[in-house]
């Protein structure tokens, strides 16, 4: 059980949700490479990403994205936390984000 004084940002749940947001972004970019995205933080009840997609997403699309997310996670890729500067993060390319396949 976590310490009641522990900041949410320091919890395992936060780290899992943060990683899940990245996995979701990878899945979305695989299906819609022209997607633009901005932030995707974990929040108190889950996680999200702001996407600018070329078309509206349907329920079928969501199911396809979730299925791909499960496949990515099943790949047992290492999740490594690395703190970087804003400049370094800006240099991190979209290609790097989806090259884990």
C-alpha atoms as a PDB file:
ATOM      1  CA  UNK A   1       0.000   0.000   0.000  1.00  0.00           C
ATOM      2  CA  UNK A   2       1.324   3.458  -0.797  1.00  0.00           C
ATOM      3  CA  UNK A   3       2.175   6.078   1.776  1.00  0.00           C
ATOM      4  CA  UNK A   4      -0.729   8.489   2.255  1.00  0.00           C
ATOM      5  CA  UNK A   5       1.726  11.392   1.967  1.00  0.00           C
ATOM      6  CA  UNK A   6       3.212  10.132  -1.286  1.00  0.00           C
ATOM      7  CA  UNK A   7       2.687  12.423  -4.250  1.00  0.00           C
ATOM      8  CA  UNK A   8       0.639  10.838  -7.039  1.00  0.00           C
ATOM      9  CA  UNK A   9       3.505  11.565  -9.469  1.00  0.00           C
ATOM     10  CA  UNK A  10       5.783   9.346  -7.352  1.00  0.00           C
ATOM     11  CA  UNK A  11       3.486   6.302  -7.267  1.00  0.00           C
ATOM     12  CA  UNK A  12       3.693   3.076  -9.240  1.00  0.00           C
ATOM     13  CA  UNK A  13       0.155   3.707 -10.537  1.00  0.00           C
ATOM     14  CA  UNK A  14       1.276   7.031 -12.016  1.00  0.00           C
ATOM     15  CA  UNK A  15       4.230   5.340 -13.754  1.00  0.00           C
ATOM     16  CA  UNK A  16       1.991   2.601 -15.156  1.00  0.00           C
ATOM     17  CA  UNK A  17      -0.494   5.150 -16.484  1.00  0.00           C
ATOM     18  CA  UNK A  18       2.312   7.259 -17.930  1.00  0.00           C
ATOM     19  CA  UNK A  19       3.672   4.214 -19.769  1.00  0.00           C
ATOM     20  CA  UNK A  20       0.179   3.244 -20.938  1.00  0.00           C
ATOM     21  CA  UNK A  21      -0.227   6.692 -22.491  1.00  0.00           C
ATOM     22  CA  UNK A  22       2.973   6.150 -24.484  1.00  0.00           C
ATOM     23  CA  UNK A  23       1.799   2.708 -25.598  1.00  0.00           C
ATOM     24  CA  UNK A  24      -1.500   4.239 -26.721  1.00  0.00           C
ATOM     25  CA  UNK A  25       0.354   6.913 -28.693  1.00  0.00           C
ATOM     26  CA  UNK A  26       2.444   4.232 -30.403  1.00  0.00           C
ATOM     27  CA  UNK A  27      -0.674   2.260 -31.363  1.00  0.00           C
ATOM     28  CA  UNK A  28      -2.482   5.335 -32.683  1.00  0.00           C
ATOM     29  CA  UNK A  29       0.546   6.413 -34.730  1.00  0.00           C
ATOM     30  CA  UNK A  30       0.852   2.962 -36.271  1.00  0.00           C
ATOM     31  CA  UNK A  31      -2.735   3.148 -37.546  1.00  0.00           C
ATOM     32  CA  UNK A  32      -2.750   6.883 -38.294  1.00  0.00           C
ATOM     33  CA  UNK A  33       0.854   7.985 -39.023  1.00  0.00           C
ATOM     34  CA  UNK A  34      -0.252  11.510 -39.935  1.00  0.00           C
ATOM     35  CA  UNK A  35      -1.664  12.064 -36.443  1.00  0.00           C
ATOM     36  CA  UNK A  36      -0.400  15.075 -34.536  1.00  0.00           C
ATOM     37  CA  UNK A  37      -0.222  14.761 -30.779  1.00  0.00           C
ATOM     38  CA  UNK A  38       0.757  16.907 -27.855  1.00  0.00           C
ATOM     39  CA  UNK A  39       0.576  16.004 -24.188  1.00  0.00           C
ATOM     40  CA  UNK A  40      -0.543  12.732 -22.674  1.00  0.00           C
ATOM     41  CA  UNK A  41      -0.295  12.784 -18.940  1.00  0.00           C
ATOM     42  CA  UNK A  42      -1.579  10.336 -16.410  1.00  0.00           C
ATOM     43  CA  UNK A  43      -4.446  11.792 -14.423  1.00  0.00           C
ATOM     44  CA  UNK A  44      -6.132  10.811 -11.161  1.00  0.00           C
ATOM     45  CA  UNK A  45      -8.472   8.316 -12.854  1.00  0.00           C
ATOM     46  CA  UNK A  46      -6.509   7.139 -15.878  1.00  0.00           C
ATOM     47  CA  UNK A  47      -4.526   8.718 -18.706  1.00  0.00           C
ATOM     48  CA  UNK A  48      -5.083  10.458 -22.029  1.00  0.00           C
ATOM     49  CA  UNK A  49      -3.366  11.947 -25.016  1.00  0.00           C
ATOM     50  CA  UNK A  50      -4.435  14.935 -27.076  1.00  0.00           C
ATOM     51  CA  UNK A  51      -4.551  13.759 -30.694  1.00  0.00           C
ATOM     52  CA  UNK A  52      -5.329  15.644 -33.885  1.00  0.00           C
ATOM     53  CA  UNK A  53      -6.462  12.790 -36.111  1.00  0.00           C
ATOM     54  CA  UNK A  54      -7.215  12.865 -39.832  1.00  0.00           C
ATOM     55  CA  UNK A  55     -10.716  11.506 -39.147  1.00  0.00           C
ATOM     56  CA  UNK A  56     -13.034  10.893 -36.200  1.00  0.00           C
ATOM     57  CA  UNK A  57     -12.395   7.704 -34.235  1.00  0.00           C
ATOM     58  CA  UNK A  58     -15.133   5.092 -34.098  1.00  0.00           C
ATOM     59  CA  UNK A  59     -15.817   2.402 -31.510  1.00  0.00           C
ATOM     60  CA  UNK A  60     -14.240  -0.109 -33.904  1.00  0.00           C
ATOM     61  CA  UNK A  61     -11.117   2.077 -34.064  1.00  0.00           C
ATOM     62  CA  UNK A  62     -10.913   2.159 -30.275  1.00  0.00           C
ATOM     63  CA  UNK A  63     -11.140  -1.622 -30.103  1.00  0.00           C
ATOM     64  CA  UNK A  64      -8.408  -1.931 -32.758  1.00  0.00           C
ATOM     65  CA  UNK A  65      -6.185   0.510 -30.836  1.00  0.00           C
ATOM     66  CA  UNK A  66      -6.756  -1.322 -27.556  1.00  0.00           C
ATOM     67  CA  UNK A  67      -5.929  -4.656 -29.196  1.00  0.00           C
ATOM     68  CA  UNK A  68      -2.687  -3.220 -30.574  1.00  0.00           C
ATOM     69  CA  UNK A  69      -1.838  -1.769 -27.166  1.00  0.00           C
ATOM     70  CA  UNK A  70      -2.196  -5.232 -25.642  1.00  0.00           C
ATOM     71  CA  UNK A  71       0.098  -6.661 -28.341  1.00  0.00           C
ATOM     72  CA  UNK A  72       2.715  -3.982 -27.670  1.00  0.00           C
ATOM     73  CA  UNK A  73       2.605  -4.674 -23.931  1.00  0.00           C
ATOM     74  CA  UNK A  74       2.802  -8.439 -24.537  1.00  0.00           C
ATOM     75  CA  UNK A  75       6.047  -7.811 -26.394  1.00  0.00           C
ATOM     76  CA  UNK A  76       7.672  -7.364 -22.980  1.00  0.00           C
ATOM     77  CA  UNK A  77       9.657  -4.302 -24.050  1.00  0.00           C
ATOM     78  CA  UNK A  78      11.611  -2.715 -21.233  1.00  0.00           C
ATOM     79  CA  UNK A  79      10.029   0.423 -19.827  1.00  0.00           C
ATOM     80  CA  UNK A  80      12.814   2.747 -18.786  1.00  0.00           C
ATOM     81  CA  UNK A  81      12.297   6.083 -17.120  1.00  0.00           C
ATOM     82  CA  UNK A  82      14.621   8.763 -18.390  1.00  0.00           C
ATOM     83  CA  UNK A  83      14.405  12.399 -17.391  1.00  0.00           C
ATOM     84  CA  UNK A  84      15.341  14.651 -20.302  1.00  0.00           C
ATOM     85  CA  UNK A  85      15.401  18.360 -20.996  1.00  0.00           C
ATOM     86  CA  UNK A  86      12.707  19.979 -23.110  1.00  0.00           C
ATOM     87  CA  UNK A  87      15.216  20.364 -25.957  1.00  0.00           C
ATOM     88  CA  UNK A  88      16.158  16.683 -25.838  1.00  0.00           C
ATOM     89  CA  UNK A  89      12.502  15.670 -25.776  1.00  0.00           C
ATOM     90  CA  UNK A  90      11.835  17.857 -28.814  1.00  0.00           C
ATOM     91  CA  UNK A  91      14.629  16.056 -30.694  1.00  0.00           C
ATOM     92  CA  UNK A  92      13.083  12.675 -29.900  1.00  0.00           C
ATOM     93  CA  UNK A  93      11.476  11.745 -33.183  1.00  0.00           C
ATOM     94  CA  UNK A  94       8.131  10.140 -33.954  1.00  0.00           C
ATOM     95  CA  UNK A  95      10.110   7.380 -35.625  1.00  0.00           C
ATOM     96  CA  UNK A  96      11.727   6.506 -32.312  1.00  0.00           C
ATOM     97  CA  UNK A  97       8.329   6.306 -30.695  1.00  0.00           C
ATOM     98  CA  UNK A  98       7.051   3.664 -33.106  1.00  0.00           C
ATOM     99  CA  UNK A  99      10.269   1.764 -33.792  1.00  0.00           C
ATOM    100  CA  UNK A 100       9.809  -0.731 -30.950  1.00  0.00           C
ATOM    101  CA  UNK A 101       7.887  -3.225 -33.122  1.00  0.00           C
END
